């Protein structure tokens, strides 16, 4: 049996926050295995990537939890998790548990044409958005990808002035109104922590 009794298979975009929560809460029984954040752009590949990790690691740990929401898999991720008896974070996507379900619903209702950034996405915007969507080489694609968006909402986890300025610049690059909404770690700690604590030795 591994020293850690709980494996968390996580989206790479959540790695920094989960590592920080592990440190702050002393979750020594938790091991984190992150999948590439680039899967954000290819949600049809998430289910197979999670399945592969579950097959490899299921004999090593007493418990496994998946730190993904549905994330655009259209229910395919839940089908995989049901096979293994594994749970995941609630919600349709990570913005639900960063901002809180009701708060995010209010933001979405206020302006459906909203593009969202987190700290991770603000930090890696060039790699995941500009390069990931091919905008760096084909700027004419901007209208196809973002023509129906009206604003960019930055859901910040930290108080970093550098990240705030980067997010503002990303909004300008996309030609969108900039809105900042600070979430901190409280909501993800509550959603994630409920799962982690129940398996703490």
C-alpha atoms as a PDB file:
ATOM      1  CA  UNK A   1       0.000   0.000   0.000  1.00  0.00           C
ATOM      2  CA  UNK A   2       1.307   3.430  -0.912  1.00  0.00           C
ATOM      3  CA  UNK A   3       2.033   5.817   1.952  1.00  0.00           C
ATOM      4  CA  UNK A   4      -0.629   8.142   0.557  1.00  0.00           C
ATOM      5  CA  UNK A   5      -4.051   6.487   0.684  1.00  0.00           C
ATOM      6  CA  UNK A   6      -5.856   8.906  -1.652  1.00  0.00           C
ATOM      7  CA  UNK A   7      -4.899   9.644  -5.247  1.00  0.00           C
ATOM      8  CA  UNK A   8      -6.342  12.736  -6.878  1.00  0.00           C
ATOM      9  CA  UNK A   9      -6.277  12.688 -10.657  1.00  0.00           C
ATOM     10  CA  UNK A  10      -6.503  16.365 -11.507  1.00  0.00           C
ATOM     11  CA  UNK A  11      -6.667  18.724 -14.429  1.00  0.00           C
ATOM     12  CA  UNK A  12      -3.280  20.382 -14.770  1.00  0.00           C
ATOM     13  CA  UNK A  13      -5.015  23.754 -14.619  1.00  0.00           C
ATOM     14  CA  UNK A  14      -5.899  23.039 -10.964  1.00  0.00           C
ATOM     15  CA  UNK A  15      -2.467  21.793  -9.899  1.00  0.00           C
ATOM     16  CA  UNK A  16      -1.219  24.957  -8.182  1.00  0.00           C
ATOM     17  CA  UNK A  17      -4.401  25.433  -6.148  1.00  0.00           C
ATOM     18  CA  UNK A  18      -4.613  21.776  -5.087  1.00  0.00           C
ATOM     19  CA  UNK A  19      -0.958  21.691  -4.062  1.00  0.00           C
ATOM     20  CA  UNK A  20      -1.504  24.874  -2.038  1.00  0.00           C
ATOM     21  CA  UNK A  21      -4.576  23.428  -0.320  1.00  0.00           C
ATOM     22  CA  UNK A  22      -2.673  20.239   0.476  1.00  0.00           C
ATOM     23  CA  UNK A  23       0.097  22.295   2.083  1.00  0.00           C
ATOM     24  CA  UNK A  24      -2.246  24.571   4.042  1.00  0.00           C
ATOM     25  CA  UNK A  25      -4.387  21.721   5.362  1.00  0.00           C
ATOM     26  CA  UNK A  26      -1.674  19.136   5.992  1.00  0.00           C
ATOM     27  CA  UNK A  27      -3.269  16.542   3.714  1.00  0.00           C
ATOM     28  CA  UNK A  28      -0.325  14.155   3.858  1.00  0.00           C
ATOM     29  CA  UNK A  29      -2.501  11.209   2.800  1.00  0.00           C
ATOM     30  CA  UNK A  30      -3.091  12.803  -0.602  1.00  0.00           C
ATOM     31  CA  UNK A  31      -1.054  12.233  -3.772  1.00  0.00           C
ATOM     32  CA  UNK A  32      -1.712  14.360  -6.840  1.00  0.00           C
ATOM     33  CA  UNK A  33      -1.410  13.166 -10.419  1.00  0.00           C
ATOM     34  CA  UNK A  34      -2.079  15.889 -12.974  1.00  0.00           C
ATOM     35  CA  UNK A  35      -3.128  15.429 -16.582  1.00  0.00           C
ATOM     36  CA  UNK A  36      -2.078  17.957 -19.254  1.00  0.00           C
ATOM     37  CA  UNK A  37      -3.897  21.276 -19.079  1.00  0.00           C
ATOM     38  CA  UNK A  38      -3.996  21.274 -22.889  1.00  0.00           C
ATOM     39  CA  UNK A  39      -6.943  18.876 -22.586  1.00  0.00           C
ATOM     40  CA  UNK A  40      -8.952  22.061 -21.929  1.00  0.00           C
ATOM     41  CA  UNK A  41      -8.875  22.534 -25.691  1.00  0.00           C
ATOM     42  CA  UNK A  42      -9.668  18.881 -26.478  1.00  0.00           C
ATOM     43  CA  UNK A  43     -12.417  17.831 -24.044  1.00  0.00           C
ATOM     44  CA  UNK A  44     -13.224  14.777 -26.154  1.00  0.00           C
ATOM     45  CA  UNK A  45      -9.885  13.343 -24.995  1.00  0.00           C
ATOM     46  CA  UNK A  46     -10.419  13.859 -21.252  1.00  0.00           C
ATOM     47  CA  UNK A  47     -12.393  10.678 -20.611  1.00  0.00           C
ATOM     48  CA  UNK A  48      -9.815   8.399 -22.232  1.00  0.00           C
ATOM     49  CA  UNK A  49      -6.959  10.173 -20.440  1.00  0.00           C
ATOM     50  CA  UNK A  50      -8.684   9.716 -17.072  1.00  0.00           C
ATOM     51  CA  UNK A  51      -9.508   6.080 -17.859  1.00  0.00           C
ATOM     52  CA  UNK A  52      -5.875   5.358 -18.696  1.00  0.00           C
ATOM     53  CA  UNK A  53      -4.739   6.829 -15.371  1.00  0.00           C
ATOM     54  CA  UNK A  54      -7.389   4.894 -13.427  1.00  0.00           C
ATOM     55  CA  UNK A  55      -6.327   1.611 -15.023  1.00  0.00           C
ATOM     56  CA  UNK A  56      -2.686   2.253 -14.123  1.00  0.00           C
ATOM     57  CA  UNK A  57      -3.236   3.425 -10.554  1.00  0.00           C
ATOM     58  CA  UNK A  58      -6.332   1.658  -9.195  1.00  0.00           C
ATOM     59  CA  UNK A  59      -4.363  -1.080  -7.412  1.00  0.00           C
ATOM     60  CA  UNK A  60      -2.041   1.368  -5.662  1.00  0.00           C
ATOM     61  CA  UNK A  61      -4.546   3.398  -3.663  1.00  0.00           C
ATOM     62  CA  UNK A  62      -7.426   2.773  -1.310  1.00  0.00           C
ATOM     63  CA  UNK A  63      -9.312   5.710  -2.783  1.00  0.00           C
ATOM     64  CA  UNK A  64      -9.172   7.736  -5.987  1.00  0.00           C
ATOM     65  CA  UNK A  65     -10.910  11.039  -6.656  1.00  0.00           C
ATOM     66  CA  UNK A  66     -11.005  12.938  -9.949  1.00  0.00           C
ATOM     67  CA  UNK A  67     -10.553  16.710  -9.798  1.00  0.00           C
ATOM     68  CA  UNK A  68     -12.428  17.467 -12.995  1.00  0.00           C
ATOM     69  CA  UNK A  69     -15.938  18.706 -13.569  1.00  0.00           C
ATOM     70  CA  UNK A  70     -17.681  17.422 -16.700  1.00  0.00           C
ATOM     71  CA  UNK A  71     -15.478  19.897 -18.597  1.00  0.00           C
ATOM     72  CA  UNK A  72     -17.182  19.534 -21.953  1.00  0.00           C
ATOM     73  CA  UNK A  73     -17.143  15.725 -22.103  1.00  0.00           C
ATOM     74  CA  UNK A  74     -20.928  15.582 -22.491  1.00  0.00           C
ATOM     75  CA  UNK A  75     -21.316  12.980 -19.749  1.00  0.00           C
ATOM     76  CA  UNK A  76     -18.590  10.683 -21.096  1.00  0.00           C
ATOM     77  CA  UNK A  77     -16.361  11.302 -18.093  1.00  0.00           C
ATOM     78  CA  UNK A  78     -19.148  10.246 -15.731  1.00  0.00           C
ATOM     79  CA  UNK A  79     -19.556   6.996 -17.667  1.00  0.00           C
ATOM     80  CA  UNK A  80     -15.866   6.213 -17.146  1.00  0.00           C
ATOM     81  CA  UNK A  81     -15.985   7.097 -13.457  1.00  0.00           C
ATOM     82  CA  UNK A  82     -19.049   4.898 -12.943  1.00  0.00           C
ATOM     83  CA  UNK A  83     -17.074   1.916 -14.244  1.00  0.00           C
ATOM     84  CA  UNK A  84     -14.474   2.427 -11.539  1.00  0.00           C
ATOM     85  CA  UNK A  85     -16.740   3.659  -8.748  1.00  0.00           C
ATOM     86  CA  UNK A  86     -14.899   6.977  -8.605  1.00  0.00           C
ATOM     87  CA  UNK A  87     -16.333  10.435  -7.885  1.00  0.00           C
ATOM     88  CA  UNK A  88     -15.435  13.822  -9.322  1.00  0.00           C
ATOM     89  CA  UNK A  89     -15.874  17.483  -8.524  1.00  0.00           C
ATOM     90  CA  UNK A  90     -19.446  18.749  -8.984  1.00  0.00           C
ATOM     91  CA  UNK A  91     -20.568  20.948 -11.824  1.00  0.00           C
ATOM     92  CA  UNK A  92     -20.301  21.316 -15.551  1.00  0.00           C
ATOM     93  CA  UNK A  93     -16.871  22.951 -15.524  1.00  0.00           C
ATOM     94  CA  UNK A  94     -14.196  24.280 -13.195  1.00  0.00           C
ATOM     95  CA  UNK A  95     -15.676  27.775 -13.051  1.00  0.00           C
ATOM     96  CA  UNK A  96     -18.540  26.358 -10.968  1.00  0.00           C
ATOM     97  CA  UNK A  97     -16.266  25.375  -8.133  1.00  0.00           C
ATOM     98  CA  UNK A  98     -13.943  28.362  -8.425  1.00  0.00           C
ATOM     99  CA  UNK A  99     -16.712  30.965  -8.216  1.00  0.00           C
ATOM    100  CA  UNK A 100     -19.429  28.888  -6.547  1.00  0.00           C
ATOM    101  CA  UNK A 101     -22.388  27.473  -8.461  1.00  0.00           C
ATOM    102  CA  UNK A 102     -24.853  30.284  -7.702  1.00  0.00           C
ATOM    103  CA  UNK A 103     -22.309  33.057  -8.243  1.00  0.00           C
ATOM    104  CA  UNK A 104     -21.185  31.609 -11.552  1.00  0.00           C
ATOM    105  CA  UNK A 105     -24.789  31.113 -12.665  1.00  0.00           C
ATOM    106  CA  UNK A 106     -25.411  34.798 -11.948  1.00  0.00           C
ATOM    107  CA  UNK A 107     -22.362  35.815 -13.994  1.00  0.00           C
ATOM    108  CA  UNK A 108     -23.443  33.598 -16.892  1.00  0.00           C
ATOM    109  CA  UNK A 109     -27.009  34.896 -16.803  1.00  0.00           C
ATOM    110  CA  UNK A 110     -25.820  38.490 -16.644  1.00  0.00           C
ATOM    111  CA  UNK A 111     -23.894  38.036 -19.909  1.00  0.00           C
ATOM    112  CA  UNK A 112     -24.015  34.664 -21.709  1.00  0.00           C
ATOM    113  CA  UNK A 113     -21.305  35.830 -24.103  1.00  0.00           C
ATOM    114  CA  UNK A 114     -18.553  35.676 -21.495  1.00  0.00           C
ATOM    115  CA  UNK A 115     -15.089  34.176 -21.812  1.00  0.00           C
ATOM    116  CA  UNK A 116     -13.576  33.178 -18.454  1.00  0.00           C
ATOM    117  CA  UNK A 117     -10.020  33.152 -17.183  1.00  0.00           C
ATOM    118  CA  UNK A 118      -8.602  31.718 -13.964  1.00  0.00           C
ATOM    119  CA  UNK A 119      -5.117  32.392 -12.578  1.00  0.00           C
ATOM    120  CA  UNK A 120      -3.808  29.411 -14.530  1.00  0.00           C
ATOM    121  CA  UNK A 121      -5.392  30.488 -17.804  1.00  0.00           C
ATOM    122  CA  UNK A 122      -4.247  34.070 -17.341  1.00  0.00           C
ATOM    123  CA  UNK A 123      -0.699  32.837 -16.745  1.00  0.00           C
ATOM    124  CA  UNK A 124      -0.694  30.420 -19.703  1.00  0.00           C
ATOM    125  CA  UNK A 125      -2.917  32.357 -22.104  1.00  0.00           C
ATOM    126  CA  UNK A 126      -0.353  32.497 -24.889  1.00  0.00           C
ATOM    127  CA  UNK A 127       0.225  28.730 -24.874  1.00  0.00           C
ATOM    128  CA  UNK A 128      -3.365  27.591 -24.375  1.00  0.00           C
ATOM    129  CA  UNK A 129      -5.328  30.264 -26.236  1.00  0.00           C
ATOM    130  CA  UNK A 130      -3.123  32.093 -28.736  1.00  0.00           C
ATOM    131  CA  UNK A 131      -1.067  29.059 -29.748  1.00  0.00           C
ATOM    132  CA  UNK A 132      -3.583  26.408 -28.718  1.00  0.00           C
ATOM    133  CA  UNK A 133      -6.284  27.865 -30.960  1.00  0.00           C
ATOM    134  CA  UNK A 134      -3.843  28.878 -33.687  1.00  0.00           C
ATOM    135  CA  UNK A 135      -4.494  32.597 -33.308  1.00  0.00           C
ATOM    136  CA  UNK A 136      -0.780  33.393 -33.328  1.00  0.00           C
ATOM    137  CA  UNK A 137      -0.434  32.080 -36.887  1.00  0.00           C
ATOM    138  CA  UNK A 138      -3.977  32.625 -38.114  1.00  0.00           C
ATOM    139  CA  UNK A 139      -5.341  35.827 -36.536  1.00  0.00           C
ATOM    140  CA  UNK A 140      -8.274  35.727 -38.965  1.00  0.00           C
ATOM    141  CA  UNK A 141      -9.684  32.937 -36.785  1.00  0.00           C
ATOM    142  CA  UNK A 142     -10.350  35.464 -34.009  1.00  0.00           C
ATOM    143  CA  UNK A 143     -13.848  36.256 -35.301  1.00  0.00           C
ATOM    144  CA  UNK A 144     -14.736  32.569 -35.585  1.00  0.00           C
ATOM    145  CA  UNK A 145     -13.683  31.809 -32.023  1.00  0.00           C
ATOM    146  CA  UNK A 146     -14.611  35.010 -30.213  1.00  0.00           C
ATOM    147  CA  UNK A 147     -17.055  36.869 -32.452  1.00  0.00           C
ATOM    148  CA  UNK A 148     -20.006  36.070 -30.190  1.00  0.00           C
ATOM    149  CA  UNK A 149     -18.272  36.993 -26.931  1.00  0.00           C
ATOM    150  CA  UNK A 150     -18.897  40.353 -25.284  1.00  0.00           C
ATOM    151  CA  UNK A 151     -16.685  40.307 -22.219  1.00  0.00           C
ATOM    152  CA  UNK A 152     -13.862  38.516 -20.412  1.00  0.00           C
ATOM    153  CA  UNK A 153     -14.336  37.745 -16.720  1.00  0.00           C
ATOM    154  CA  UNK A 154     -11.165  37.034 -14.780  1.00  0.00           C
ATOM    155  CA  UNK A 155     -11.967  34.745 -11.828  1.00  0.00           C
ATOM    156  CA  UNK A 156      -8.864  35.333  -9.732  1.00  0.00           C
ATOM    157  CA  UNK A 157      -7.642  32.974  -7.022  1.00  0.00           C
ATOM    158  CA  UNK A 158      -4.714  35.144  -5.941  1.00  0.00           C
ATOM    159  CA  UNK A 159      -4.230  38.871  -5.354  1.00  0.00           C
ATOM    160  CA  UNK A 160      -1.385  39.033  -7.887  1.00  0.00           C
ATOM    161  CA  UNK A 161      -1.226  42.442  -9.536  1.00  0.00           C
ATOM    162  CA  UNK A 162       0.854  40.913 -12.319  1.00  0.00           C
ATOM    163  CA  UNK A 163      -1.849  38.381 -13.158  1.00  0.00           C
ATOM    164  CA  UNK A 164      -4.550  41.049 -12.988  1.00  0.00           C
ATOM    165  CA  UNK A 165      -2.658  43.131 -15.535  1.00  0.00           C
ATOM    166  CA  UNK A 166      -2.061  40.098 -17.739  1.00  0.00           C
ATOM    167  CA  UNK A 167      -5.780  39.278 -17.688  1.00  0.00           C
ATOM    168  CA  UNK A 168      -6.597  42.869 -18.630  1.00  0.00           C
ATOM    169  CA  UNK A 169      -4.180  42.633 -21.556  1.00  0.00           C
ATOM    170  CA  UNK A 170      -5.717  39.340 -22.674  1.00  0.00           C
ATOM    171  CA  UNK A 171      -9.154  40.980 -22.721  1.00  0.00           C
ATOM    172  CA  UNK A 172      -7.776  43.796 -24.842  1.00  0.00           C
ATOM    173  CA  UNK A 173      -6.178  41.283 -27.221  1.00  0.00           C
ATOM    174  CA  UNK A 174      -9.542  39.550 -27.670  1.00  0.00           C
ATOM    175  CA  UNK A 175     -11.382  42.865 -27.997  1.00  0.00           C
ATOM    176  CA  UNK A 176     -13.593  42.130 -24.991  1.00  0.00           C
ATOM    177  CA  UNK A 177     -14.800  44.159 -22.021  1.00  0.00           C
ATOM    178  CA  UNK A 178     -12.738  43.310 -18.939  1.00  0.00           C
ATOM    179  CA  UNK A 179     -14.381  42.313 -15.640  1.00  0.00           C
ATOM    180  CA  UNK A 180     -12.524  41.112 -12.550  1.00  0.00           C
ATOM    181  CA  UNK A 181     -14.181  38.835  -9.984  1.00  0.00           C
ATOM    182  CA  UNK A 182     -12.074  37.564  -7.081  1.00  0.00           C
ATOM    183  CA  UNK A 183     -12.901  34.022  -5.918  1.00  0.00           C
ATOM    184  CA  UNK A 184      -9.951  33.093  -3.699  1.00  0.00           C
ATOM    185  CA  UNK A 185      -9.718  29.394  -2.776  1.00  0.00           C
ATOM    186  CA  UNK A 186     -12.737  29.126  -0.467  1.00  0.00           C
ATOM    187  CA  UNK A 187     -15.135  27.469  -2.900  1.00  0.00           C
ATOM    188  CA  UNK A 188     -12.686  24.970  -4.322  1.00  0.00           C
ATOM    189  CA  UNK A 189     -11.456  24.165  -0.807  1.00  0.00           C
ATOM    190  CA  UNK A 190     -15.017  23.432   0.287  1.00  0.00           C
ATOM    191  CA  UNK A 191     -15.875  21.259  -2.733  1.00  0.00           C
ATOM    192  CA  UNK A 192     -12.538  19.504  -2.865  1.00  0.00           C
ATOM    193  CA  UNK A 193     -11.990  19.337   0.885  1.00  0.00           C
ATOM    194  CA  UNK A 194     -15.210  17.461   1.535  1.00  0.00           C
ATOM    195  CA  UNK A 195     -13.872  14.589  -0.540  1.00  0.00           C
ATOM    196  CA  UNK A 196     -10.336  14.699   0.846  1.00  0.00           C
ATOM    197  CA  UNK A 197     -11.290  14.837   4.526  1.00  0.00           C
ATOM    198  CA  UNK A 198     -13.582  11.829   4.399  1.00  0.00           C
ATOM    199  CA  UNK A 199     -10.627   9.646   3.410  1.00  0.00           C
ATOM    200  CA  UNK A 200      -8.130  11.124   5.830  1.00  0.00           C
ATOM    201  CA  UNK A 201      -6.579   8.541   8.133  1.00  0.00           C
END
